[in-house]
Amino acid sequence: MNALFERSWQRAWSALVGADRGDGNALRDELLVRYAEPQRKYHTRQHLEECLALFDEFGGLADRPAEVEMALWFHDAIYDVKGSGNEERSADWAHEALLAAGATGEVADRVRLLVLVTKHDGVPASVDEQVLVDIDLAILGAERPRFDEYERQIRDEYAYVPGFLFRRKRKQILRIFLDRPVLYSTPALRERLDARARENLRRAIG
């Protein structure tokens, strides 16, 4: 077991559910199986690990860090490349699993809403939403070799889409991010990632 996965899960689970209700490791392992599904090329354990590593560094910025951390575990839990509603289904799973484990309804509701924010169809409002979204989008500001690998991984996930159509749609998506006046909401992550993210995006679009 990856030490980061073990440490992260235990920390979030203990804070939200309580150690007296078991360790939740069966659920953790089910999530890790999902992140290793063969149709995934980017939305994999690698992405989860990168997110959790950043959370280790920046999670203290959140108001309710354990909820943000659990939302990271679930944010790509269900990933059907050809389907829609992945975030909704992942959010519902998080909600149901937390309630079943003994978390309060308020906690389960907030984690569910956090997972939905990773649809990236709006501006994150709360501090917790901002930390979560900034971590999820940190790949845009990765060093050039990792960003280029990410772009190849996304293309591989959508290998069934004809090249001309993929390129057109992909440029549209990347342009939306580039055109945002604020790409990263938290000052610490903005300082680290914004300039490189915009450079990566311009290069990928151009």
Protein backbone atom coordinates (compact mmCIF):
# COMPACT_ATOMS: atom_id res chain seq x y z
CA MET A 1 0.00 0.00 0.00
CA ASN A 2 1.26 3.43 -1.02
CA ALA A 3 2.19 5.28 2.19
CA LEU A 4 0.55 8.50 1.03
CA PHE A 5 -2.73 6.71 0.30
CA GLU A 6 -2.64 5.01 3.69
CA ARG A 7 -1.84 8.21 5.60
CA SER A 8 -4.35 10.33 3.73
CA TRP A 9 -7.21 7.88 4.06
CA GLN A 10 -6.66 7.27 7.76
CA ARG A 11 -6.52 11.01 8.44
CA ALA A 12 -9.71 11.86 6.56
CA TRP A 13 -11.64 8.81 7.74
CA SER A 14 -10.78 9.35 11.39
CA ALA A 15 -11.81 13.00 11.23
CA LEU A 16 -15.13 12.43 9.43
CA VAL A 17 -16.27 9.03 10.63
CA GLY A 18 -14.24 8.23 13.73
CA ALA A 19 -11.79 5.46 14.48
CA ASP A 20 -14.41 3.69 16.60
CA ARG A 21 -16.37 2.86 13.43
CA GLY A 22 -13.63 0.85 11.77
CA ASP A 23 -10.88 1.93 9.42
CA GLY A 24 -12.87 2.09 6.18
CA ASN A 25 -10.05 0.29 4.38
CA ALA A 26 -12.45 -1.83 2.35
CA LEU A 27 -13.95 1.35 0.90
CA ARG A 28 -10.49 2.82 0.32
CA ASP A 29 -9.42 -0.31 -1.52
CA GLU A 30 -12.57 -0.24 -3.65
CA LEU A 31 -11.80 3.33 -4.62
CA LEU A 32 -8.24 2.40 -5.55
CA VAL A 33 -9.55 -0.43 -7.73
CA ARG A 34 -11.74 2.11 -9.52
CA TYR A 35 -8.79 4.42 -10.12
CA ALA A 36 -6.93 1.48 -11.72
CA GLU A 37 -9.66 0.69 -14.27
CA PRO A 38 -8.27 0.04 -17.77
CA GLN A 39 -10.24 2.79 -19.54
CA ARG A 40 -8.46 5.40 -17.45
CA LYS A 41 -5.24 6.93 -18.71
CA TYR A 42 -5.16 10.22 -16.83
CA HIS A 43 -7.87 9.87 -14.16
CA THR A 44 -5.83 7.19 -12.44
CA ARG A 45 -4.01 6.51 -9.19
CA GLN A 46 -1.27 8.79 -10.51
CA HIS A 47 -3.71 11.72 -10.59
CA LEU A 48 -5.12 10.80 -7.17
CA GLU A 49 -1.62 10.58 -5.73
CA GLU A 50 -0.63 13.96 -7.18
CA CYS A 51 -3.77 15.52 -5.69
CA LEU A 52 -3.20 14.01 -2.26
CA ALA A 53 0.46 15.06 -2.28
CA LEU A 54 -0.60 18.65 -2.95
CA PHE A 55 -3.21 18.35 -0.24
CA ASP A 56 -0.47 17.31 2.18
CA GLU A 57 1.17 20.63 1.40
CA PHE A 58 -1.82 22.95 1.08
CA GLY A 59 -4.66 21.23 2.93
CA GLY A 60 -4.16 23.52 5.89
CA LEU A 61 -5.66 26.34 3.81
CA ALA A 62 -9.08 24.66 3.96
CA ASP A 63 -11.72 25.41 6.57
CA ARG A 64 -12.72 21.74 6.77
CA PRO A 65 -9.63 19.95 5.46
CA ALA A 66 -10.87 16.41 6.10
CA GLU A 67 -13.92 17.03 3.91
CA VAL A 68 -11.75 18.38 1.11
CA GLU A 69 -9.42 15.39 1.42
CA MET A 70 -12.31 12.92 1.26
CA ALA A 71 -13.74 14.78 -1.73
CA LEU A 72 -10.40 14.32 -3.49
CA TRP A 73 -10.63 10.57 -2.91
CA PHE A 74 -14.09 10.47 -4.49
CA HIS A 75 -13.89 13.19 -7.14
CA ASP A 76 -13.08 10.78 -10.00
CA ALA A 77 -14.32 7.62 -8.29
CA ILE A 78 -16.65 6.87 -11.19
CA TYR A 79 -15.20 7.58 -14.61
CA ASP A 80 -17.04 6.41 -17.70
CA VAL A 81 -15.17 7.89 -20.66
CA LYS A 82 -18.21 7.67 -22.94
CA GLY A 83 -20.80 8.51 -20.30
CA SER A 84 -22.03 11.62 -18.58
CA GLY A 85 -22.79 12.37 -14.97
CA ASN A 86 -19.53 10.97 -13.62
CA GLU A 87 -19.24 13.69 -11.00
CA GLU A 88 -22.87 13.29 -9.94
CA ARG A 89 -22.48 9.54 -9.56
CA SER A 90 -19.18 9.94 -7.70
CA ALA A 91 -20.76 12.54 -5.40
CA ASP A 92 -23.72 10.28 -4.68
CA TRP A 93 -21.39 7.39 -3.87
CA ALA A 94 -19.42 9.58 -1.45
CA HIS A 95 -22.64 10.71 0.22
CA GLU A 96 -24.04 7.21 0.59
CA ALA A 97 -20.74 5.70 1.75
CA LEU A 98 -20.18 8.34 4.41
CA LEU A 99 -23.70 8.05 5.76
CA ALA A 100 -23.41 4.26 5.84
CA ALA A 101 -20.13 4.57 7.74
CA GLY A 102 -21.68 6.79 10.39
CA ALA A 103 -20.68 10.30 9.31
CA THR A 104 -23.21 13.03 10.02
CA GLY A 105 -25.64 14.13 7.33
CA GLU A 106 -24.03 17.58 7.28
CA VAL A 107 -20.60 16.11 6.57
CA ALA A 108 -21.94 13.79 3.86
CA ASP A 109 -23.83 16.68 2.25
CA ARG A 110 -20.79 18.95 2.19
CA VAL A 111 -18.51 16.26 0.72
CA ARG A 112 -21.11 15.53 -1.94
CA LEU A 113 -21.26 19.21 -2.92
CA LEU A 114 -17.47 19.43 -3.01
CA VAL A 115 -17.24 16.52 -5.44
CA LEU A 116 -19.81 18.22 -7.69
CA VAL A 117 -17.65 21.35 -7.84
CA THR A 118 -15.01 19.33 -9.75
CA LYS A 119 -17.27 19.53 -12.80
CA HIS A 120 -15.48 22.88 -13.25
CA ASP A 121 -18.56 24.52 -14.71
CA GLY A 122 -18.48 27.50 -12.38
CA VAL A 123 -16.28 29.56 -10.11
CA PRO A 124 -15.52 27.91 -6.75
CA ALA A 125 -17.08 29.97 -3.99
CA SER A 126 -16.04 28.75 -0.55
CA VAL A 127 -12.48 28.38 0.65
CA ASP A 128 -12.87 24.60 0.66
CA GLU A 129 -14.13 24.60 -2.94
CA GLN A 130 -11.21 26.80 -3.95
CA VAL A 131 -8.61 24.53 -2.36
CA LEU A 132 -10.20 21.45 -3.93
CA VAL A 133 -10.48 22.92 -7.43
CA ASP A 134 -6.99 24.41 -7.34
CA ILE A 135 -5.53 21.03 -6.42
CA ASP A 136 -7.55 19.23 -9.10
CA LEU A 137 -6.42 21.74 -11.74
CA ALA A 138 -2.80 21.85 -10.59
CA ILE A 139 -1.89 19.59 -13.52
CA LEU A 140 -2.37 22.59 -15.82
CA GLY A 141 0.57 24.24 -14.08
CA ALA A 142 2.78 21.16 -14.02
CA GLU A 143 6.32 21.18 -15.36
CA ARG A 144 6.35 20.86 -19.14
CA PRO A 145 7.17 17.11 -19.33
CA ARG A 146 4.33 16.23 -16.95
CA PHE A 147 1.87 18.54 -18.70
CA ASP A 148 2.74 17.00 -22.05
CA GLU A 149 2.28 13.54 -20.56
CA TYR A 150 -1.11 14.67 -19.22
CA GLU A 151 -2.17 15.83 -22.68
CA ARG A 152 -1.19 12.44 -24.14
CA GLN A 153 -3.09 10.67 -21.38
CA ILE A 154 -6.24 12.66 -22.08
CA ARG A 155 -5.94 11.85 -25.78
CA ASP A 156 -5.53 8.16 -24.95
CA GLU A 157 -8.64 8.23 -22.77
CA TYR A 158 -10.59 9.60 -25.72
CA ALA A 159 -8.91 7.49 -28.36
CA TYR A 160 -12.32 6.64 -29.85
CA VAL A 161 -12.87 10.30 -30.82
CA PRO A 162 -11.60 11.20 -34.32
CA GLY A 163 -8.46 13.32 -34.24
CA PHE A 164 -9.87 16.45 -35.85
CA LEU A 165 -12.86 16.46 -33.53
CA PHE A 166 -10.79 15.79 -30.43
CA ARG A 167 -8.38 18.62 -31.26
CA ARG A 168 -11.22 21.08 -31.81
CA LYS A 169 -13.05 20.17 -28.61
CA ARG A 170 -9.85 20.00 -26.57
CA LYS A 171 -8.78 23.48 -27.67
CA GLN A 172 -12.22 24.81 -26.71
CA ILE A 173 -11.90 23.35 -23.21
CA LEU A 174 -8.37 24.61 -22.71
CA ARG A 175 -9.35 28.05 -24.02
CA ILE A 176 -12.05 28.30 -21.35
CA PHE A 177 -9.43 27.80 -18.65
CA LEU A 178 -6.94 30.18 -20.26
CA ASP A 179 -9.56 32.90 -20.57
CA ARG A 180 -10.40 32.82 -16.87
CA PRO A 181 -9.16 36.01 -15.18
CA VAL A 182 -8.40 33.88 -12.13
CA LEU A 183 -7.28 30.32 -12.80
CA TYR A 184 -6.23 29.50 -9.23
CA SER A 185 -8.21 31.00 -6.37
CA THR A 186 -5.82 30.39 -3.47
CA PRO A 187 -2.89 32.83 -3.44
CA ALA A 188 -0.31 30.15 -2.60
CA LEU A 189 -1.25 27.90 -5.51
CA ARG A 190 -1.74 30.86 -7.83
CA GLU A 191 1.79 32.04 -7.11
CA ARG A 192 3.23 28.60 -7.77
CA LEU A 193 1.18 27.50 -10.78
CA ASP A 194 -0.56 30.34 -12.63
CA ALA A 195 2.23 31.55 -14.91
CA ARG A 196 3.29 28.05 -15.94
CA ALA A 197 -0.33 26.96 -16.41
CA ARG A 198 -0.99 29.82 -18.81
CA GLU A 199 2.20 29.04 -20.69
CA ASN A 200 1.21 25.37 -20.96
CA LEU A 201 -2.32 26.24 -22.08
CA ARG A 202 -1.16 28.71 -24.74
CA ARG A 203 1.27 26.14 -26.10
CA ALA A 204 -1.34 23.37 -26.14
CA ILE A 205 -3.90 25.57 -27.87
CA GLY A 206 -1.45 27.11 -30.31
